[in-house]
Amino acid sequence: MTLPFHTDVAQYPIRVRWFMAVAWVAIAVKCVLVWWAIQHWNVPIHPAWVIAPTLAFAGLASGLWLTHTRD
């Protein structure tokens, strides 16, 4: 299968890759805390209303970052 874009993660410095990893860990922690808080305090919404957009926009930003090429 040939992907229509090129993902060469090695083109980014190690500090940038670590930043992305830390950012995703922070997003995961936020999602877990939101799920817990909504369940703990009986907030009348489903946690997915907060978590789904968070993951969607984070995935979009990461996808744009991965497929970005320097011309």
Protein backbone atom coordinates (compact mmCIF):
# COMPACT_ATOMS: atom_id res chain seq x y z
CA MET A 1 0.00 0.00 0.00
CA THR A 2 1.43 3.34 -1.01
CA LEU A 3 0.49 6.31 1.11
CA PRO A 4 -0.19 9.60 -0.69
CA PHE A 5 2.10 11.46 1.70
CA HIS A 6 5.61 10.98 2.98
CA THR A 7 6.19 10.67 6.72
CA ASP A 8 9.86 11.12 7.47
CA VAL A 9 9.86 11.67 11.22
CA ALA A 10 13.67 11.59 11.23
CA GLN A 11 13.67 15.03 9.57
CA TYR A 12 12.61 16.55 12.90
CA PRO A 13 15.08 17.10 15.74
CA ILE A 14 14.79 14.87 18.77
CA ARG A 15 13.56 17.80 20.87
CA VAL A 16 10.60 18.32 18.56
CA ARG A 17 9.72 14.63 18.69
CA TRP A 18 9.94 14.65 22.49
CA PHE A 19 7.70 17.72 22.57
CA MET A 20 5.07 15.89 20.52
CA ALA A 21 5.31 12.85 22.79
CA VAL A 22 4.91 14.99 25.92
CA ALA A 23 2.00 16.85 24.31
CA TRP A 24 0.21 13.56 23.59
CA VAL A 25 0.82 12.35 27.14
CA ALA A 26 -0.67 15.62 28.43
CA ILE A 27 -3.69 15.14 26.15
CA ALA A 28 -4.15 11.59 27.43
CA VAL A 29 -3.92 12.73 31.06
CA LYS A 30 -6.44 15.49 30.39
CA CYS A 31 -8.86 13.02 28.83
CA VAL A 32 -8.58 10.65 31.78
CA LEU A 33 -9.09 13.50 34.26
CA VAL A 34 -12.11 14.83 32.37
CA TRP A 35 -13.69 11.36 32.28
CA TRP A 36 -13.06 10.91 36.01
CA ALA A 37 -14.31 14.40 36.95
CA ILE A 38 -17.52 14.08 34.99
CA GLN A 39 -18.25 10.70 36.57
CA HIS A 40 -17.17 11.79 40.06
CA TRP A 41 -19.25 14.97 40.24
CA ASN A 42 -22.20 13.60 38.22
CA VAL A 43 -22.07 16.25 35.53
CA PRO A 44 -25.06 15.64 33.23
CA ILE A 45 -23.06 15.28 30.00
CA HIS A 46 -21.22 12.37 28.49
CA PRO A 47 -17.42 12.71 28.72
CA ALA A 48 -17.12 12.06 24.99
CA TRP A 49 -18.50 15.56 24.33
CA VAL A 50 -15.25 16.93 25.72
CA ILE A 51 -12.82 14.15 24.89
CA ALA A 52 -13.80 13.52 21.25
CA PRO A 53 -13.09 17.07 20.03
CA THR A 54 -9.85 17.11 22.00
CA LEU A 55 -8.63 13.94 20.32
CA ALA A 56 -9.93 15.01 16.90
CA PHE A 57 -8.11 18.34 16.91
CA ALA A 58 -4.97 16.83 18.42
CA GLY A 59 -5.00 14.14 15.74
CA LEU A 60 -5.54 16.75 13.03
CA ALA A 61 -2.67 18.88 14.33
CA SER A 62 -0.39 15.85 14.60
CA GLY A 63 -1.34 14.71 11.10
CA LEU A 64 -0.56 18.12 9.68
CA TRP A 65 2.74 18.13 11.54
CA LEU A 66 3.67 14.66 10.28
CA THR A 67 2.85 15.40 6.67
CA HIS A 68 4.47 18.85 6.60
CA THR A 69 7.42 19.03 4.24
CA ARG A 70 10.03 21.71 4.02
CA ASP A 71 10.24 22.97 0.47
